[in-house]
Protein backbone atom coordinates (compact mmCIF):
# COMPACT_ATOMS: atom_id res chain seq x y z
CA MET A 1 -0.08 -0.11 0.12
CA SER A 2 1.21 3.43 -1.01
CA ASN A 3 0.66 6.26 1.71
CA PHE A 4 0.00 9.60 0.89
CA ASP A 5 -0.93 13.19 2.92
CA VAL A 6 -3.43 13.82 0.32
CA ILE A 7 -5.15 11.72 -2.33
CA VAL A 8 -7.36 13.61 -4.99
CA LEU A 9 -10.30 11.41 -6.49
CA GLY A 10 -10.64 13.10 -9.83
CA SER A 11 -8.62 15.35 -12.10
CA GLY A 12 -11.13 18.03 -13.18
CA PRO A 13 -10.42 22.14 -12.65
CA GLY A 14 -11.43 21.05 -9.00
CA GLY A 15 -9.17 17.99 -8.57
CA TYR A 16 -6.05 18.96 -10.38
CA VAL A 17 -6.01 22.52 -8.93
CA THR A 18 -6.41 20.93 -5.65
CA ALA A 19 -3.55 18.45 -5.97
CA ILE A 20 -1.00 21.43 -7.49
CA ARG A 21 -2.00 23.67 -4.26
CA ALA A 22 -1.63 20.51 -1.86
CA SER A 23 1.84 19.83 -3.45
CA GLN A 24 2.86 23.60 -2.84
CA LEU A 25 2.06 23.26 0.66
CA GLY A 26 4.20 20.55 0.83
CA PHE A 27 1.65 17.38 1.06
CA LYS A 28 2.92 14.18 -0.48
CA THR A 29 0.07 14.08 -3.37
CA ALA A 30 -1.40 11.46 -5.18
CA ILE A 31 -4.53 12.01 -8.16
CA ILE A 32 -6.84 9.46 -9.20
CA GLU A 33 -8.27 9.70 -12.54
CA LYS A 34 -10.25 7.28 -14.82
CA GLU A 35 -10.12 8.74 -18.01
CA ASN A 36 -8.17 12.09 -18.99
CA LEU A 37 -6.36 14.25 -16.89
CA GLY A 38 -8.41 17.72 -16.82
CA GLY A 39 -11.61 16.06 -16.30
CA VAL A 40 -14.76 17.25 -18.25
CA CYS A 41 -13.89 20.85 -18.28
CA LEU A 42 -10.61 20.46 -20.28
CA ASN A 43 -11.52 17.27 -22.37
CA TRP A 44 -15.34 17.74 -22.86
CA GLY A 45 -16.31 21.28 -21.49
CA CYS A 46 -15.19 24.89 -20.92
CA ILE A 47 -12.24 24.58 -23.35
CA PRO A 48 -13.26 22.42 -26.32
CA THR A 49 -16.21 24.37 -26.35
CA LYS A 50 -14.52 27.77 -26.42
CA ALA A 51 -12.64 26.42 -29.24
CA LEU A 52 -15.77 25.42 -31.02
CA LEU A 53 -17.71 28.87 -30.13
CA LYS A 54 -14.42 30.81 -31.28
CA SER A 55 -14.72 29.18 -35.00
CA ALA A 56 -18.27 30.04 -35.23
CA GLN A 57 -17.51 33.73 -34.37
CA VAL A 58 -14.71 33.81 -37.25
CA PHE A 59 -17.21 32.20 -39.70
CA GLN A 60 -19.69 34.95 -38.69
CA TYR A 61 -17.06 37.81 -39.41
CA LEU A 62 -16.02 36.31 -42.58
CA GLN A 63 -20.06 35.98 -43.72
CA HIS A 64 -20.06 39.61 -42.88
CA ALA A 65 -16.91 40.99 -44.19
CA GLU A 66 -18.41 43.70 -46.28
CA ASP A 67 -19.65 45.39 -42.97
CA TYR A 68 -16.25 46.43 -42.54
CA GLY A 69 -15.37 47.26 -45.75
CA LEU A 70 -13.72 44.01 -46.89
CA LYS A 71 -14.29 41.40 -49.25
CA ALA A 72 -14.24 37.49 -48.35
CA GLU A 73 -16.05 35.66 -51.51
CA ASN A 74 -16.91 31.86 -51.29
CA VAL A 75 -16.76 31.63 -47.79
CA ASP A 76 -17.47 28.04 -46.38
CA LYS A 77 -16.89 25.81 -43.29
CA ASP A 78 -15.40 22.42 -42.82
CA PHE A 79 -17.18 21.14 -39.86
CA GLY A 80 -14.81 18.07 -39.62
CA SER A 81 -11.82 20.57 -39.37
CA VAL A 82 -13.64 22.45 -37.20
CA VAL A 83 -14.09 19.58 -34.86
CA LYS A 84 -10.85 18.63 -35.22
CA ARG A 85 -9.53 21.96 -34.38
CA SER A 86 -11.51 21.64 -30.85
CA ARG A 87 -10.13 18.24 -29.92
CA GLY A 88 -6.68 19.49 -30.68
CA VAL A 89 -7.06 22.49 -28.17
CA ALA A 90 -8.56 20.01 -25.65
CA ASP A 91 -5.60 17.44 -25.85
CA GLY A 92 -3.15 20.19 -26.04
CA MET A 93 -4.61 21.62 -22.38
CA SER A 94 -4.79 18.34 -20.97
CA LYS A 95 -1.17 17.77 -21.81
CA GLY A 96 -0.02 20.66 -19.84
CA VAL A 97 -1.93 19.15 -16.90
CA GLN A 98 0.39 16.31 -16.95
CA PHE A 99 3.17 18.57 -16.87
CA LEU A 100 1.82 20.34 -14.37
CA MET A 101 1.71 16.91 -12.01
CA LYS A 102 5.08 16.36 -13.25
CA LYS A 103 6.43 19.71 -12.12
CA ASN A 104 4.76 19.44 -8.67
CA LYS A 105 5.69 16.07 -7.96
CA ILE A 106 2.21 14.27 -8.17
CA GLU A 107 1.40 11.00 -8.73
CA VAL A 108 -1.33 10.50 -11.28
CA ILE A 109 -2.86 7.20 -10.34
CA ASN A 110 -5.09 5.70 -13.66
CA GLY A 111 -7.92 3.64 -13.03
CA TYR A 112 -11.49 3.76 -11.14
CA GLY A 113 -11.13 4.95 -7.49
CA THR A 114 -13.74 3.71 -4.91
CA LEU A 115 -13.31 4.87 -1.18
CA LYS A 116 -12.84 3.02 1.57
CA PRO A 117 -13.16 3.23 5.42
CA LYS A 118 -10.11 4.20 7.55
CA LYS A 119 -8.69 6.62 4.88
CA LYS A 120 -8.40 4.13 2.17
CA VAL A 121 -8.77 4.24 -1.71
CA SER A 122 -9.03 1.38 -3.89
CA VAL A 123 -8.15 2.09 -7.59
CA LYS A 124 -9.04 -0.64 -10.37
CA ASP A 125 -6.91 -0.08 -13.47
CA LYS A 126 -7.90 -1.07 -16.94
CA GLU A 127 -6.81 -4.72 -16.85
CA GLY A 128 -8.89 -5.10 -13.34
CA LYS A 129 -6.20 -5.23 -11.28
CA GLU A 130 -6.87 -3.60 -7.87
CA THR A 131 -4.54 -1.54 -5.56
CA GLU A 132 -5.06 -0.05 -2.28
CA TYR A 133 -3.73 3.73 -1.24
CA SER A 134 -3.88 5.56 1.89
CA ALA A 135 -3.99 9.04 2.63
CA GLU A 136 -4.26 11.37 5.87
CA HIS A 137 -6.66 13.19 3.66
CA ILE A 138 -9.06 11.98 0.87
CA ILE A 139 -10.67 14.66 -1.05
CA ILE A 140 -13.43 13.72 -3.61
CA ALA A 141 -13.42 15.64 -6.67
CA THR A 142 -15.29 13.57 -9.22
CA GLY A 143 -17.42 16.53 -11.16
CA ALA A 144 -20.45 15.66 -12.84
CA ARG A 145 -22.05 14.49 -16.10
CA SER A 146 -25.04 15.60 -18.41
CA ARG A 147 -28.55 14.80 -16.89
CA GLU A 148 -30.91 12.73 -18.66
CA LEU A 149 -34.88 13.05 -18.28
CA PRO A 150 -37.04 10.15 -18.60
CA SER A 151 -38.68 12.15 -21.44
CA LEU A 152 -35.27 12.46 -23.15
CA PRO A 153 -32.91 9.07 -22.75
CA GLN A 154 -29.97 9.57 -24.53
CA ASP A 155 -28.90 6.93 -27.26
CA GLY A 156 -25.80 9.13 -28.41
CA LYS A 157 -26.99 9.47 -31.84
CA LYS A 158 -30.24 11.23 -31.81
CA ILE A 159 -30.66 12.14 -28.63
CA ILE A 160 -27.76 13.47 -27.42
CA GLY A 161 -25.52 15.08 -24.44
CA TYR A 162 -22.86 17.58 -24.44
CA ARG A 163 -20.08 15.05 -25.20
CA GLU A 164 -21.75 13.77 -28.44
CA ALA A 165 -22.40 17.57 -29.40
CA MET A 166 -18.92 18.81 -29.75
CA SER A 167 -17.66 15.69 -31.83
CA LEU A 168 -20.18 14.87 -34.18
CA ASP A 169 -18.72 13.34 -37.33
CA LYS A 170 -21.51 15.25 -39.29
CA GLN A 171 -23.06 18.60 -39.09
CA PRO A 172 -26.69 18.23 -38.38
CA LYS A 173 -29.25 20.26 -40.81
CA SER A 174 -31.88 20.81 -38.34
CA MET A 175 -31.25 20.40 -34.44
CA ILE A 176 -33.58 20.92 -31.20
CA VAL A 177 -32.10 22.12 -28.14
CA VAL A 178 -33.52 21.08 -24.96
CA GLY A 179 -32.48 23.55 -22.38
CA SER A 180 -31.21 26.88 -22.16
CA GLY A 181 -28.55 27.26 -19.73
CA ALA A 182 -25.32 28.01 -20.46
CA ILE A 183 -24.57 24.56 -22.09
CA GLY A 184 -27.68 24.76 -24.50
CA ILE A 185 -27.24 28.04 -25.06
CA GLU A 186 -23.62 28.30 -26.48
CA PHE A 187 -24.46 25.02 -28.44
CA ALA A 188 -27.30 26.66 -29.79
CA TYR A 189 -25.24 29.53 -30.85
CA PHE A 190 -22.64 26.97 -32.37
CA TYR A 191 -25.03 25.25 -34.34
CA ASN A 192 -27.11 28.21 -35.63
CA SER A 193 -23.62 30.44 -36.76
CA MET A 194 -22.70 27.23 -38.45
CA GLY A 195 -25.71 26.65 -40.59
CA THR A 196 -28.17 24.39 -38.75
CA GLU A 197 -31.65 25.19 -38.14
CA VAL A 198 -31.78 25.67 -34.35
CA THR A 199 -35.03 25.39 -32.09
CA VAL A 200 -34.34 26.14 -28.38
CA VAL A 201 -36.96 24.62 -25.81
CA GLU A 202 -37.27 26.44 -22.41
CA TYR A 203 -39.40 24.89 -19.41
CA LEU A 204 -38.99 28.61 -17.81
CA PRO A 205 -40.51 31.83 -18.98
CA ASN A 206 -37.07 32.96 -19.91
CA ILE A 207 -33.79 31.64 -21.78
CA VAL A 208 -30.89 31.73 -19.48
CA PRO A 209 -33.23 31.69 -16.60
CA VAL A 210 -30.74 32.44 -13.73
CA GLU A 211 -29.85 35.64 -15.52
CA ASP A 212 -31.78 39.11 -14.69
CA GLU A 213 -34.81 39.27 -16.97
CA GLU A 214 -33.52 42.26 -19.18
CA VAL A 215 -30.36 40.20 -20.10
CA SER A 216 -32.68 37.23 -20.81
CA LYS A 217 -35.03 39.46 -23.06
CA GLN A 218 -31.78 40.79 -24.66
CA LEU A 219 -30.21 37.37 -25.50
CA GLU A 220 -33.72 36.25 -27.08
CA ARG A 221 -34.03 39.30 -29.24
CA SER A 222 -30.67 38.56 -30.63
CA PHE A 223 -30.97 34.93 -31.21
CA LYS A 224 -34.13 35.31 -32.73
CA LYS A 225 -32.60 38.00 -35.02
CA ALA A 226 -29.82 35.22 -35.94
CA GLY A 227 -32.61 33.09 -37.07
CA VAL A 228 -32.77 30.75 -33.97
CA LYS A 229 -36.31 29.56 -33.06
CA ILE A 230 -37.04 30.16 -29.02
CA LYS A 231 -40.16 28.39 -27.45
CA THR A 232 -40.09 29.31 -23.27
CA ASN A 233 -42.67 27.89 -21.08
CA ALA A 234 -42.61 24.50 -23.11
CA GLU A 235 -41.76 21.17 -22.20
CA VAL A 236 -40.46 18.33 -24.17
CA THR A 237 -42.81 15.39 -22.87
CA SER A 238 -41.33 12.72 -25.45
CA VAL A 239 -39.11 12.02 -28.47
CA ASP A 240 -39.45 9.73 -31.17
CA THR A 241 -36.72 8.24 -33.15
CA SER A 242 -38.03 5.40 -35.08
CA GLY A 243 -37.80 7.51 -38.44
CA GLU A 244 -34.62 8.97 -39.98
CA GLY A 245 -34.60 12.01 -38.02
CA VAL A 246 -36.70 12.72 -34.56
CA LYS A 247 -40.06 13.70 -33.77
CA ALA A 248 -40.19 15.50 -30.54
CA THR A 249 -43.86 16.36 -28.65
CA VAL A 250 -43.58 19.44 -27.06
CA LYS A 251 -46.12 21.02 -24.45
CA THR A 252 -46.76 24.64 -24.42
CA ALA A 253 -49.36 27.30 -23.14
CA LYS A 254 -51.09 26.82 -26.51
CA GLY A 255 -51.44 22.98 -26.49
CA GLU A 256 -49.54 20.24 -28.17
CA GLU A 257 -46.94 20.60 -31.05
CA VAL A 258 -44.65 18.13 -32.82
CA LEU A 259 -40.92 19.35 -33.99
CA GLU A 260 -38.83 17.58 -36.24
CA ALA A 261 -35.19 17.51 -36.53
CA ASP A 262 -32.37 15.67 -37.26
CA ILE A 263 -31.19 15.72 -33.42
CA VAL A 264 -32.42 16.53 -30.15
CA LEU A 265 -29.45 18.01 -27.93
CA SER A 266 -30.40 17.23 -23.97
CA ALA A 267 -29.21 20.15 -22.11
CA VAL A 268 -31.21 20.02 -19.27
CA GLY A 269 -28.22 20.31 -16.21
CA ILE A 270 -25.97 17.89 -14.77
CA LYS A 271 -25.99 14.92 -12.59
CA SER A 272 -23.12 14.39 -9.93
CA ASN A 273 -20.79 11.58 -10.27
CA ILE A 274 -21.59 10.48 -6.56
CA GLU A 275 -22.83 6.24 -7.17
CA ASN A 276 -20.56 3.35 -6.98
CA ILE A 277 -17.32 5.67 -5.41
CA GLY A 278 -18.13 3.69 -1.97
CA LEU A 279 -19.85 7.02 0.12
CA LYS A 280 -22.17 4.34 1.80
CA ASP A 281 -19.04 2.12 2.30
CA VAL A 282 -17.55 5.04 4.59
CA GLY A 283 -20.80 6.67 5.74
CA ILE A 284 -20.54 10.13 3.97
CA SER A 285 -23.96 11.94 4.07
CA THR A 286 -25.52 12.80 0.85
CA ASP A 287 -28.70 15.01 0.10
CA ARG A 288 -30.46 15.47 -3.10
CA ASP A 289 -27.57 14.18 -5.18
CA LYS A 290 -24.99 16.23 -3.25
CA ILE A 291 -22.44 15.30 -0.73
CA LEU A 292 -22.88 17.44 2.53
CA VAL A 293 -19.70 19.28 3.54
CA ASN A 294 -18.97 22.17 6.16
CA ASP A 295 -17.53 25.74 5.05
CA TYR A 296 -14.10 24.07 4.52
CA TYR A 297 -15.56 20.85 2.65
CA GLN A 298 -15.24 18.26 5.41
CA THR A 299 -17.77 16.12 5.26
CA ASN A 300 -19.46 14.12 8.16
CA ILE A 301 -16.58 11.56 8.24
CA PRO A 302 -13.21 13.16 9.54
CA GLY A 303 -10.52 12.93 6.74
CA TYR A 304 -12.95 12.88 3.78
CA TYR A 305 -13.49 16.42 2.03
CA ALA A 306 -15.60 16.90 -1.11
CA ILE A 307 -15.64 19.99 -3.84
CA GLY A 308 -16.67 20.95 -7.06
CA ASP A 309 -20.09 19.92 -8.59
CA ILE A 310 -20.59 17.13 -6.13
CA THR A 311 -21.18 19.78 -3.08
CA PRO A 312 -24.31 22.05 -3.33
CA GLY A 313 -22.28 25.23 -4.39
CA GLN A 314 -22.99 26.40 -8.35
CA ALA A 315 -21.57 23.90 -10.48
CA LEU A 316 -18.82 25.71 -12.36
CA ALA A 317 -15.08 25.10 -12.89
CA HIS A 318 -14.09 28.35 -11.41
CA VAL A 319 -15.85 27.44 -8.14
CA ALA A 320 -14.32 24.01 -7.68
CA SER A 321 -11.03 25.50 -8.12
CA ALA A 322 -11.63 27.97 -5.43
CA GLU A 323 -13.25 25.35 -3.43
CA GLY A 324 -10.25 22.94 -3.63
CA ILE A 325 -7.50 25.74 -2.67
CA LEU A 326 -9.70 26.63 -0.31
CA CYS A 327 -9.93 23.10 1.01
CA VAL A 328 -6.23 21.99 1.53
CA GLU A 329 -5.13 25.81 2.89
CA LYS A 330 -7.59 24.70 5.74
CA ILE A 331 -5.85 21.42 6.14
CA ALA A 332 -2.56 23.19 6.33
CA GLY A 333 -3.80 25.61 9.04
CA MET A 334 -3.82 28.66 7.51
CA HIS A 335 -6.04 31.24 8.04
CA VAL A 336 -8.85 31.18 5.24
CA GLU A 337 -12.18 32.52 5.03
CA ALA A 338 -15.36 30.75 3.89
CA LEU A 339 -16.07 31.42 -0.10
CA ASP A 340 -18.53 33.82 -0.35
CA TYR A 341 -21.18 31.91 -3.19
CA GLY A 342 -23.02 35.68 -3.61
CA ASN A 343 -19.99 36.84 -5.33
CA ILE A 344 -19.56 33.90 -7.95
CA PRO A 345 -19.83 35.55 -11.62
CA GLY A 346 -21.33 33.68 -14.26
CA CYS A 347 -20.30 33.54 -17.69
CA THR A 348 -22.17 31.87 -20.84
CA TYR A 349 -20.05 32.31 -24.04
CA CYS A 350 -22.67 32.68 -27.10
CA MET A 351 -22.49 35.89 -29.20
CA PRO A 352 -23.55 38.21 -27.35
CA GLU A 353 -21.85 37.18 -24.13
CA VAL A 354 -23.46 37.10 -21.03
CA ALA A 355 -21.97 37.65 -17.78
CA SER A 356 -23.24 38.62 -14.11
CA VAL A 357 -22.17 38.45 -10.53
CA GLY A 358 -24.67 39.42 -7.56
CA LEU A 359 -28.26 39.82 -7.23
CA THR A 360 -30.41 40.42 -10.27
CA GLU A 361 -32.99 43.48 -9.98
CA LYS A 362 -36.14 40.91 -8.89
CA GLN A 363 -33.86 39.36 -6.40
CA ALA A 364 -32.85 42.49 -4.60
CA LYS A 365 -36.51 43.68 -4.79
CA GLU A 366 -37.74 40.43 -3.51
CA LYS A 367 -35.26 41.13 -0.58
CA GLY A 368 -36.88 44.42 -0.14
CA LEU A 369 -34.04 46.51 -0.81
CA ASP A 370 -34.16 50.42 -1.55
CA ILE A 371 -31.90 50.36 -4.86
CA LYS A 372 -30.75 52.19 -7.46
CA ILE A 373 -30.38 51.02 -11.36
CA GLY A 374 -27.85 52.31 -13.84
CA LYS A 375 -27.92 50.91 -17.51
CA PHE A 376 -25.73 51.85 -20.37
CA PRO A 377 -26.19 50.01 -23.86
CA PHE A 378 -23.39 49.10 -26.17
CA SER A 379 -24.92 51.19 -29.02
CA ALA A 380 -23.50 54.20 -27.19
CA SER A 381 -20.22 52.93 -26.61
CA GLY A 382 -17.52 53.93 -29.28
CA LYS A 383 -15.39 50.77 -29.01
CA ALA A 384 -18.38 48.85 -29.52
CA LYS A 385 -19.74 50.29 -32.51
CA ALA A 386 -16.36 50.60 -34.31
CA SER A 387 -16.21 46.47 -33.46
CA GLY A 388 -19.56 46.14 -35.15
CA ASN A 389 -21.12 44.52 -32.33
CA PRO A 390 -23.23 47.16 -30.65
CA ASP A 391 -25.78 44.84 -29.22
CA GLY A 392 -26.24 44.43 -25.49
CA PHE A 393 -25.54 46.57 -22.53
CA VAL A 394 -24.07 46.73 -18.84
CA LYS A 395 -26.80 47.04 -16.14
CA VAL A 396 -25.67 47.85 -12.51
CA ILE A 397 -27.77 47.33 -9.05
CA PHE A 398 -26.89 49.51 -6.02
CA ASP A 399 -28.15 49.43 -2.48
CA ALA A 400 -29.80 53.31 -2.42
CA LYS A 401 -28.91 53.83 1.31
CA TYR A 402 -25.29 52.41 1.65
CA GLY A 403 -23.80 52.43 -1.94
CA GLU A 404 -23.48 48.85 -2.18
CA TRP A 405 -22.47 46.96 -5.34
CA LEU A 406 -25.45 44.48 -5.00
CA GLY A 407 -25.23 43.21 -8.59
CA CYS A 408 -23.74 43.69 -12.07
CA HIS A 409 -25.18 42.21 -15.29
CA MET A 410 -23.70 42.34 -18.89
CA ILE A 411 -24.80 41.12 -22.35
CA GLY A 412 -22.57 42.13 -24.95
CA ASN A 413 -19.67 41.33 -27.00
CA GLY A 414 -16.20 40.16 -24.75
CA VAL A 415 -18.34 41.00 -21.63
CA THR A 416 -17.04 37.86 -19.74
CA ASP A 417 -13.50 39.37 -19.87
CA MET A 418 -15.29 42.52 -18.12
CA ILE A 419 -17.26 40.85 -15.36
CA ALA A 420 -14.27 40.46 -12.67
CA GLU A 421 -14.08 44.17 -12.30
CA ALA A 422 -17.65 43.76 -10.67
CA VAL A 423 -16.39 40.73 -8.61
CA VAL A 424 -13.31 42.49 -7.14
CA ALA A 425 -15.09 45.73 -6.71
CA ARG A 426 -17.97 44.03 -4.52
CA LYS A 427 -15.10 41.96 -2.72
CA LEU A 428 -13.45 44.92 -1.59
CA GLU A 429 -16.91 46.45 -0.77
CA THR A 430 -16.40 49.33 -3.35
CA THR A 431 -19.23 52.16 -3.45
CA GLY A 432 -20.47 53.35 -6.67
CA HIS A 433 -19.16 56.59 -6.12
CA GLU A 434 -15.20 54.74 -5.76
CA ILE A 435 -16.08 53.44 -9.38
CA LEU A 436 -17.19 56.38 -10.86
CA LYS A 437 -13.96 58.13 -9.61
CA ALA A 438 -11.62 55.42 -10.59
CA VAL A 439 -10.87 56.22 -14.30
CA HIS A 440 -11.88 54.05 -17.09
CA PRO A 441 -9.72 53.47 -20.51
CA HIS A 442 -11.17 55.55 -23.45
CA PRO A 443 -12.17 53.82 -25.78
CA THR A 444 -12.82 50.52 -24.18
CA MET A 445 -15.93 48.46 -23.99
CA SER A 446 -15.01 48.39 -20.07
CA GLU A 447 -16.09 52.12 -19.98
CA ALA A 448 -19.41 50.74 -20.31
CA VAL A 449 -19.07 49.66 -16.26
CA MET A 450 -18.69 53.21 -15.27
CA GLU A 451 -20.94 54.91 -17.66
CA ALA A 452 -23.80 52.47 -16.50
CA VAL A 453 -22.81 53.19 -12.78
CA ALA A 454 -22.84 57.16 -13.68
CA ALA A 455 -26.64 56.48 -14.84
CA ALA A 456 -27.74 54.92 -11.53
CA TYR A 457 -26.21 58.29 -9.94
CA ASP A 458 -27.90 60.36 -12.41
CA GLU A 459 -24.59 61.43 -13.77
CA VAL A 460 -24.38 59.59 -17.07
CA ILE A 461 -22.59 61.65 -19.59
CA HIS A 462 -22.93 59.76 -23.13
CA LEU A 463 -26.49 59.18 -23.04
């Protein structure tokens, strides 16, 4: 049996970051992975999808070259090459994680890990050989997978999840995307941009339902303008795959209708990977598909911890990384503060992009807060107009009494790179007046943040 200070089960952006920080802090560390280093995020999620989306964006630019005074004739795409590029980016990033494991002297154990009592983990390799390892601290970071609905059983061919969506051999002529969270919306944008006829079906009244309602409405307008069909307050009750394509029965307020397409993408959320990893054998408590942990990610059993998508916080890569770092720093005896889940940024990388942090207008009002709201449209931004992407706006929400920055909501070109200003400012308890007095460079998209704050305090210049 090999003994370690820390064993991390799972090598996604939660697991591998945790292992690196543990090693930096002097712990003898091992990481267990059944597939590829980097987990879903690097291999089948965040990174390869961004490569696909970039190809779609470049294709759109080429199609609209004349808008920029340029000529690009007979522009076409090679779907297979687009997918190949995406896989190449993912493979490169996974190799980068392999390098980081070597650099930080972390032992990589390939195989399927199962938790055992008394701080042990059993790992079965591809040949079926089992080896037992022990550690003073075992951190579970097994992530999540595409959730399946009874009405949408995934067969990997006609009803697919995100994995198949980013590696199809052939581009479908038509697609129904069920669910309009970040995953569904990003794929809807990608396939629509590449020329697939896309219909989005959302159960709730607005697409990207976690976002501020004004952002949701703006994105719906932009998507419809691009040719995406949107059906909200709608539910897919069954899918018939017996024919050449698929026939999806959709229940709406007006009654039932049947939508036909080549393929259905199920993007209705995620399912935690907590089955068959030994939680019951160890006695680790779970509730509603999540492992229960305290503020520092300790489970109810000493020596066992859990981070990332398998815990109750937001299921986002950057959250998993932050949780893992905090977890091992606490183990090392460092002074750490519990993560503020109210100040976690969310990003959707369609076009226009969506980014937000903090309370929506509706949430602030439901809390009974007296608020100031400011909005600045990118149509009034010189940089946005010059770039040819004036759709969208920045919306800020402040507490009227104390000036606390309650929320920031953005939709527009490049806003996922701008939201960090609001995250840092809220962390530092910055007031609206301090943002106003911080000089923003001109001409930039980021000026819109300052202008939106100015609008909240009746000081806006360019509106």
